């Protein structure tokens, strides 16, 4: 797997993010987007997620830091083309399974869970300030952790 983030297509944008409306219908004149969230597994859940759904490794690296940086590249790519700023919605594998059962590993289930977390105020605002702690919970400042990651092109 290449270290470079792969390009994100409009179809993948709809799979990765959950918007309060159809992303293709959002216009700047609509004002701020209310819910625009990307689902993400914190380190404590990433290992279990890839055991439950090994197909995640078809598009994401196994290492959690690299995974978080790939998420950052998608955040930057989407933020460059869509109005507003996304939230990062931390997911819990056990909660996903309880809510969605055998469909818990589906992209739409993860996106729905992420949007629900954002709607309920349980998401992380993105991007943090450069001297703030990184959203990925690495303990480093954003400017030295995920901040330098380039947008997926």
Protein backbone atom coordinates (compact mmCIF):
# COMPACT_ATOMS: atom_id res chain seq x y z
CA UNK A 1 0.00 0.00 0.00
CA UNK A 2 1.33 3.42 -0.95
CA UNK A 3 2.07 6.03 1.70
CA UNK A 4 0.35 8.64 -0.50
CA UNK A 5 -3.36 9.14 0.16
CA UNK A 6 -5.45 8.00 -2.76
CA UNK A 7 -7.76 10.49 -4.45
CA UNK A 8 -11.25 10.84 -3.05
CA UNK A 9 -14.08 10.67 -5.56
CA UNK A 10 -17.48 12.36 -5.13
CA UNK A 11 -18.98 8.91 -4.52
CA UNK A 12 -16.45 8.18 -1.77
CA UNK A 13 -17.15 11.60 -0.26
CA UNK A 14 -20.74 10.48 0.24
CA UNK A 15 -19.56 7.16 1.70
CA UNK A 16 -17.05 8.71 4.11
CA UNK A 17 -19.00 11.71 5.29
CA UNK A 18 -22.58 12.14 6.38
CA UNK A 19 -24.12 15.48 5.56
CA UNK A 20 -27.37 16.98 6.78
CA UNK A 21 -28.38 17.02 3.12
CA UNK A 22 -27.24 15.42 -0.14
CA UNK A 23 -23.62 16.68 -0.56
CA UNK A 24 -24.13 17.31 -4.27
CA UNK A 25 -26.93 19.75 -3.44
CA UNK A 26 -25.01 21.87 -0.91
CA UNK A 27 -24.34 25.39 -2.17
CA UNK A 28 -22.51 28.24 -0.49
CA UNK A 29 -25.78 30.16 -0.48
CA UNK A 30 -27.20 27.47 1.82
CA UNK A 31 -25.14 28.87 4.69
CA UNK A 32 -23.29 26.65 7.17
CA UNK A 33 -23.80 22.91 7.00
CA UNK A 34 -25.30 21.73 10.27
CA UNK A 35 -23.95 18.18 10.33
CA UNK A 36 -20.88 17.20 8.34
CA UNK A 37 -19.08 14.40 10.04
CA UNK A 38 -16.46 11.78 9.34
CA UNK A 39 -16.60 8.60 11.39
CA UNK A 40 -13.25 7.56 12.88
CA UNK A 41 -12.13 4.78 15.21
CA UNK A 42 -9.97 5.91 18.16
CA UNK A 43 -6.89 3.79 18.85
CA UNK A 44 -8.69 1.69 21.48
CA UNK A 45 -11.32 0.68 18.91
CA UNK A 46 -9.29 0.54 15.67
CA UNK A 47 -7.68 -2.82 16.51
CA UNK A 48 -11.07 -4.40 17.24
CA UNK A 49 -12.62 -2.77 14.15
CA UNK A 50 -10.07 -4.35 11.81
CA UNK A 51 -10.62 -7.74 13.45
CA UNK A 52 -14.40 -7.42 13.05
CA UNK A 53 -14.21 -5.93 9.55
CA UNK A 54 -10.87 -6.84 7.91
CA UNK A 55 -12.09 -5.24 4.66
CA UNK A 56 -11.29 -1.87 6.29
CA UNK A 57 -7.65 -2.67 5.52
CA UNK A 58 -8.40 -2.63 1.78
CA UNK A 59 -8.46 1.18 1.91
CA UNK A 60 -6.88 2.07 5.25
CA UNK A 61 -3.50 1.28 6.83
CA UNK A 62 -3.34 -1.04 9.83
CA UNK A 63 -1.22 1.30 11.94
CA UNK A 64 -3.52 3.66 13.86
CA UNK A 65 -1.34 6.74 13.41
CA UNK A 66 -1.20 6.17 9.65
CA UNK A 67 -4.96 5.50 9.64
CA UNK A 68 -5.61 8.80 11.48
CA UNK A 69 -3.38 10.65 9.04
CA UNK A 70 -5.28 9.12 6.12
CA UNK A 71 -8.49 10.39 7.72
CA UNK A 72 -6.84 13.82 8.00
CA UNK A 73 -6.05 13.77 4.28
CA UNK A 74 -9.71 13.05 3.52
CA UNK A 75 -10.83 15.82 5.88
CA UNK A 76 -8.58 18.34 4.12
CA UNK A 77 -9.67 17.23 0.64
CA UNK A 78 -13.35 17.49 1.50
CA UNK A 79 -12.97 20.79 3.37
CA UNK A 80 -11.36 22.27 0.26
CA UNK A 81 -14.45 21.57 -1.84
CA UNK A 82 -17.40 21.65 0.56
CA UNK A 83 -18.78 24.53 2.63
CA UNK A 84 -18.31 24.52 6.38
CA UNK A 85 -16.01 22.36 8.46
CA UNK A 86 -16.51 18.73 9.39
CA UNK A 87 -16.57 17.11 12.78
CA UNK A 88 -14.65 13.93 13.54
CA UNK A 89 -17.02 11.42 15.10
CA UNK A 90 -15.27 8.81 17.25
CA UNK A 91 -16.89 5.39 16.91
CA UNK A 92 -17.07 2.55 19.39
CA UNK A 93 -17.19 -0.96 17.90
CA UNK A 94 -19.48 -2.38 20.61
CA UNK A 95 -21.95 0.50 20.15
CA UNK A 96 -21.92 0.02 16.36
CA UNK A 97 -22.68 -3.68 16.69
CA UNK A 98 -25.43 -3.02 19.24
CA UNK A 99 -27.08 -0.42 17.00
CA UNK A 100 -26.63 -1.97 13.54
CA UNK A 101 -26.11 -5.70 14.19
CA UNK A 102 -24.75 -7.56 11.18
CA UNK A 103 -24.73 -4.30 9.16
CA UNK A 104 -22.38 -2.58 11.62
CA UNK A 105 -19.39 -2.92 9.30
CA UNK A 106 -21.11 -1.26 6.35
CA UNK A 107 -19.87 2.22 5.37
CA UNK A 108 -23.38 3.68 5.62
CA UNK A 109 -23.80 2.31 9.16
CA UNK A 110 -20.53 3.90 10.25
CA UNK A 111 -21.46 7.17 8.54
CA UNK A 112 -24.89 7.17 10.17
CA UNK A 113 -23.37 6.50 13.59
CA UNK A 114 -20.88 9.31 12.99
CA UNK A 115 -23.62 11.76 12.03
CA UNK A 116 -25.64 10.76 15.10
CA UNK A 117 -22.62 11.44 17.33
CA UNK A 118 -22.12 14.83 15.69
CA UNK A 119 -25.81 15.73 16.05
CA UNK A 120 -25.68 14.83 19.73
CA UNK A 121 -22.58 16.99 20.31
CA UNK A 122 -20.26 14.01 20.82
CA UNK A 123 -17.87 14.75 17.99
CA UNK A 124 -14.53 16.54 17.75
CA UNK A 125 -14.46 19.89 15.96
CA UNK A 126 -11.97 19.99 13.12
CA UNK A 127 -9.46 21.43 12.48
CA UNK A 128 -7.93 22.19 15.84
CA UNK A 129 -5.66 25.21 16.22
CA UNK A 130 -2.07 24.48 15.25
CA UNK A 131 -0.89 24.59 18.89
CA UNK A 132 -3.89 22.64 20.21
CA UNK A 133 -3.72 18.91 20.89
CA UNK A 134 -4.28 16.87 17.74
CA UNK A 135 -7.82 15.56 17.25
CA UNK A 136 -6.44 11.99 16.87
CA UNK A 137 -5.56 11.79 20.58
CA UNK A 138 -1.84 11.22 19.93
CA UNK A 139 -0.95 13.68 22.67
CA UNK A 140 1.03 15.81 20.20
CA UNK A 141 0.23 19.30 18.99
CA UNK A 142 -1.77 19.35 15.76
CA UNK A 143 1.03 21.22 13.95
CA UNK A 144 3.44 18.29 14.39
CA UNK A 145 0.98 15.40 14.21
CA UNK A 146 -1.82 15.45 11.61
CA UNK A 147 -1.50 19.13 10.68
CA UNK A 148 1.29 18.67 8.09
CA UNK A 149 -0.59 15.87 6.26
CA UNK A 150 -1.45 16.82 2.67
CA UNK A 151 -4.99 16.64 1.33
CA UNK A 152 -5.92 13.60 -0.75
CA UNK A 153 -5.95 14.67 -4.37
